[in-house]
C-alpha atoms as a PDB file:
ATOM      1  CA  UNK A   1      15.802 -10.357  11.275  1.00  0.00           C
ATOM      2  CA  UNK A   2      15.850  -9.275  14.303  1.00  0.00           C
ATOM      3  CA  UNK A   3      13.268  -7.279  15.775  1.00  0.00           C
ATOM      4  CA  UNK A   4      12.165  -6.676  19.255  1.00  0.00           C
ATOM      5  CA  UNK A   5       8.832  -4.299  20.760  1.00  0.00           C
ATOM      6  CA  UNK A   6       9.738  -1.254  23.108  1.00  0.00           C
ATOM      7  CA  UNK A   7       7.517   0.290  24.900  1.00  0.00           C
ATOM      8  CA  UNK A   8       7.028   4.107  25.139  1.00  0.00           C
ATOM      9  CA  UNK A   9       5.247   5.861  27.182  1.00  0.00           C
ATOM     10  CA  UNK A  10       3.840   9.090  25.786  1.00  0.00           C
ATOM     11  CA  UNK A  11       2.269  10.966  28.713  1.00  0.00           C
ATOM     12  CA  UNK A  12       0.583  14.086  28.208  1.00  0.00           C
ATOM     13  CA  UNK A  13       3.062  14.746  24.312  1.00  0.00           C
ATOM     14  CA  UNK A  14       2.081  13.909  21.221  1.00  0.00           C
ATOM     15  CA  UNK A  15       6.127  13.841  19.859  1.00  0.00           C
ATOM     16  CA  UNK A  16       7.886  11.593  21.625  1.00  0.00           C
ATOM     17  CA  UNK A  17      11.973  10.746  20.800  1.00  0.00           C
ATOM     18  CA  UNK A  18      12.844   7.406  20.308  1.00  0.00           C
ATOM     19  CA  UNK A  19      15.979   8.223  18.291  1.00  0.00           C
ATOM     20  CA  UNK A  20      18.192   6.766  21.318  1.00  0.00           C
ATOM     21  CA  UNK A  21      16.902   3.555  21.313  1.00  0.00           C
ATOM     22  CA  UNK A  22      16.490   2.986  17.984  1.00  0.00           C
ATOM     23  CA  UNK A  23      20.208   3.983  17.560  1.00  0.00           C
ATOM     24  CA  UNK A  24      21.060   1.323  20.688  1.00  0.00           C
ATOM     25  CA  UNK A  25      18.997  -1.447  18.991  1.00  0.00           C
ATOM     26  CA  UNK A  26      21.138  -0.724  15.647  1.00  0.00           C
ATOM     27  CA  UNK A  27      24.032  -0.566  17.636  1.00  0.00           C
ATOM     28  CA  UNK A  28      26.485  -3.435  16.591  1.00  0.00           C
ATOM     29  CA  UNK A  29      25.129  -4.888  13.908  1.00  0.00           C
ATOM     30  CA  UNK A  30      26.340  -3.838  10.692  1.00  0.00           C
ATOM     31  CA  UNK A  31      24.390  -2.442   7.875  1.00  0.00           C
ATOM     32  CA  UNK A  32      20.935  -3.298   6.479  1.00  0.00           C
ATOM     33  CA  UNK A  33      17.392  -1.316   6.985  1.00  0.00           C
ATOM     34  CA  UNK A  34      15.340  -0.975   9.772  1.00  0.00           C
ATOM     35  CA  UNK A  35      11.488  -1.060  10.255  1.00  0.00           C
ATOM     36  CA  UNK A  36      10.004   1.564  12.809  1.00  0.00           C
ATOM     37  CA  UNK A  37       7.366   0.389  13.634  1.00  0.00           C
ATOM     38  CA  UNK A  38       3.806   2.022  15.522  1.00  0.00           C
ATOM     39  CA  UNK A  39       0.774  -1.242  16.614  1.00  0.00           C
ATOM     40  CA  UNK A  40      -1.654   1.163  17.060  1.00  0.00           C
ATOM     41  CA  UNK A  41      -4.204   2.154  14.817  1.00  0.00           C
ATOM     42  CA  UNK A  42      -4.158   6.139  16.685  1.00  0.00           C
ATOM     43  CA  UNK A  43      -0.594   6.371  15.900  1.00  0.00           C
ATOM     44  CA  UNK A  44       2.541   6.955  13.840  1.00  0.00           C
ATOM     45  CA  UNK A  45       6.670   7.485  13.549  1.00  0.00           C
ATOM     46  CA  UNK A  46       7.872  10.374  11.357  1.00  0.00           C
ATOM     47  CA  UNK A  47      11.544  11.746  11.170  1.00  0.00           C
ATOM     48  CA  UNK A  48      11.427  15.351  11.980  1.00  0.00           C
ATOM     49  CA  UNK A  49      13.747  18.157  13.842  1.00  0.00           C
ATOM     50  CA  UNK A  50      13.622  17.848  17.093  1.00  0.00           C
ATOM     51  CA  UNK A  51      13.860  20.573  19.888  1.00  0.00           C
ATOM     52  CA  UNK A  52      14.085  23.721  17.363  1.00  0.00           C
ATOM     53  CA  UNK A  53      10.599  24.659  17.229  1.00  0.00           C
ATOM     54  CA  UNK A  54       9.270  21.746  15.121  1.00  0.00           C
ATOM     55  CA  UNK A  55       6.942  19.325  17.406  1.00  0.00           C
ATOM     56  CA  UNK A  56       5.125  22.629  17.905  1.00  0.00           C
ATOM     57  CA  UNK A  57       4.646  23.180  14.858  1.00  0.00           C
ATOM     58  CA  UNK A  58       3.675  19.667  13.744  1.00  0.00           C
ATOM     59  CA  UNK A  59       1.089  19.543  16.865  1.00  0.00           C
ATOM     60  CA  UNK A  60      -0.585  23.656  14.799  1.00  0.00           C
ATOM     61  CA  UNK A  61       0.010  21.517  11.674  1.00  0.00           C
ATOM     62  CA  UNK A  62      -1.824  18.663  12.816  1.00  0.00           C
ATOM     63  CA  UNK A  63      -4.345  20.450  14.870  1.00  0.00           C
ATOM     64  CA  UNK A  64      -5.689  22.783  11.982  1.00  0.00           C
ATOM     65  CA  UNK A  65      -6.003  19.875   9.225  1.00  0.00           C
ATOM     66  CA  UNK A  66      -7.262  17.257  11.300  1.00  0.00           C
ATOM     67  CA  UNK A  67      -9.237  19.584  14.350  1.00  0.00           C
ATOM     68  CA  UNK A  68     -10.060  17.747  17.959  1.00  0.00           C
ATOM     69  CA  UNK A  69     -13.727  18.012  17.773  1.00  0.00           C
ATOM     70  CA  UNK A  70     -16.903  15.831  16.834  1.00  0.00           C
ATOM     71  CA  UNK A  71     -17.631  16.539  13.089  1.00  0.00           C
ATOM     72  CA  UNK A  72     -15.768  12.605  12.678  1.00  0.00           C
ATOM     73  CA  UNK A  73     -18.131   9.158  12.159  1.00  0.00           C
ATOM     74  CA  UNK A  74     -15.955   7.569  14.342  1.00  0.00           C
ATOM     75  CA  UNK A  75     -16.774   8.955  18.071  1.00  0.00           C
ATOM     76  CA  UNK A  76     -16.297   6.658  20.688  1.00  0.00           C
ATOM     77  CA  UNK A  77     -13.689   7.845  23.486  1.00  0.00           C
ATOM     78  CA  UNK A  78     -12.604  11.844  24.428  1.00  0.00           C
ATOM     79  CA  UNK A  79     -14.295  14.824  21.906  1.00  0.00           C
ATOM     80  CA  UNK A  80     -12.438  14.518  18.505  1.00  0.00           C
ATOM     81  CA  UNK A  81     -11.402  11.124  19.332  1.00  0.00           C
ATOM     82  CA  UNK A  82     -12.219  10.872  15.469  1.00  0.00           C
ATOM     83  CA  UNK A  83      -9.310  12.145  14.322  1.00  0.00           C
ATOM     84  CA  UNK A  84      -6.634   9.958  16.492  1.00  0.00           C
ATOM     85  CA  UNK A  85      -7.939   7.601  13.847  1.00  0.00           C
ATOM     86  CA  UNK A  86      -7.419   9.902  11.113  1.00  0.00           C
ATOM     87  CA  UNK A  87      -3.911  10.634  12.085  1.00  0.00           C
ATOM     88  CA  UNK A  88      -2.010   7.836  10.567  1.00  0.00           C
ATOM     89  CA  UNK A  89      -3.528   8.680   7.079  1.00  0.00           C
ATOM     90  CA  UNK A  90      -1.569  11.637   7.490  1.00  0.00           C
ATOM     91  CA  UNK A  91       1.692  10.459  10.105  1.00  0.00           C
ATOM     92  CA  UNK A  92       2.708   6.959   8.605  1.00  0.00           C
ATOM     93  CA  UNK A  93       2.520   4.120  10.802  1.00  0.00           C
ATOM     94  CA  UNK A  94       6.386   3.250   9.983  1.00  0.00           C
ATOM     95  CA  UNK A  95       9.728   4.982   8.351  1.00  0.00           C
ATOM     96  CA  UNK A  96      12.220   2.315   7.403  1.00  0.00           C
ATOM     97  CA  UNK A  97      15.740   4.034   7.467  1.00  0.00           C
ATOM     98  CA  UNK A  98      19.518   2.934   6.761  1.00  0.00           C
ATOM     99  CA  UNK A  99      22.025   1.504   9.220  1.00  0.00           C
ATOM    100  CA  UNK A 100      25.564   1.775   7.988  1.00  0.00           C
ATOM    101  CA  UNK A 101      27.922   0.385  10.545  1.00  0.00           C
ATOM    102  CA  UNK A 102      25.616  -0.192  13.242  1.00  0.00           C
ATOM    103  CA  UNK A 103      24.286   3.028  13.143  1.00  0.00           C
ATOM    104  CA  UNK A 104      20.825   4.408  11.936  1.00  0.00           C
ATOM    105  CA  UNK A 105      22.337   7.195   8.544  1.00  0.00           C
ATOM    106  CA  UNK A 106      19.683   9.763   9.639  1.00  0.00           C
ATOM    107  CA  UNK A 107      20.668  13.173   8.799  1.00  0.00           C
ATOM    108  CA  UNK A 108      22.564  16.204  11.029  1.00  0.00           C
ATOM    109  CA  UNK A 109      19.376  17.140  12.402  1.00  0.00           C
ATOM    110  CA  UNK A 110      16.957  14.453  11.923  1.00  0.00           C
ATOM    111  CA  UNK A 111      14.873  11.728  15.512  1.00  0.00           C
ATOM    112  CA  UNK A 112      13.200   9.373  14.784  1.00  0.00           C
ATOM    113  CA  UNK A 113      10.305  10.263  17.011  1.00  0.00           C
ATOM    114  CA  UNK A 114       6.250   8.560  17.949  1.00  0.00           C
ATOM    115  CA  UNK A 115       4.122  10.810  16.704  1.00  0.00           C
ATOM    116  CA  UNK A 116       0.687   9.855  19.217  1.00  0.00           C
ATOM    117  CA  UNK A 117      -2.302  12.477  19.814  1.00  0.00           C
ATOM    118  CA  UNK A 118      -4.591   9.800  20.944  1.00  0.00           C
ATOM    119  CA  UNK A 119      -5.167  10.768  24.861  1.00  0.00           C
ATOM    120  CA  UNK A 120      -6.701   7.686  25.915  1.00  0.00           C
ATOM    121  CA  UNK A 121      -3.845   5.150  25.940  1.00  0.00           C
ATOM    122  CA  UNK A 122      -0.456   6.213  27.254  1.00  0.00           C
ATOM    123  CA  UNK A 123       1.632   4.267  26.599  1.00  0.00           C
ATOM    124  CA  UNK A 124       3.109   2.527  23.129  1.00  0.00           C
ATOM    125  CA  UNK A 125       4.313  -0.209  21.136  1.00  0.00           C
ATOM    126  CA  UNK A 126       7.733   0.665  18.484  1.00  0.00           C
ATOM    127  CA  UNK A 127       8.295  -2.416  16.394  1.00  0.00           C
ATOM    128  CA  UNK A 128      12.415  -2.795  15.655  1.00  0.00           C
ATOM    129  CA  UNK A 129      12.975  -4.697  13.051  1.00  0.00           C
ATOM    130  CA  UNK A 130      16.669  -5.337  11.104  1.00  0.00           C
ATOM    131  CA  UNK A 131      17.594  -6.097   8.090  1.00  0.00           C
ATOM    132  CA  UNK A 132      20.843  -6.841   7.615  1.00  0.00           C
ATOM    133  CA  UNK A 133      22.435  -6.156   3.799  1.00  0.00           C
END
């Protein structure tokens, strides 16, 4: 098993594409499984199509399902921070991908992204772990 932790600056964007970093990590590793894990209580990993408006659609959906307001019991941090702690129940903190010939076997339009609505923390760790087949 090989594992590395990378740092990702999420900035002010809800969605940060890490497909390039994932592909770089898989290069030359042969066949196996890759686990992408975001070890934070307020962020997750997902597979989505990027560059087509899906980012805005996902942001709108999260805002609708998990509004950023004061309704949450978990109330420290910025306004609506409780929603950030509920997010990983909807956007899993990890995804597992098949790797074939040293390349993640993604669908034509799939990208690996970090989903992070926490405006109080703009730098995230992402753990990439490869299990050879």
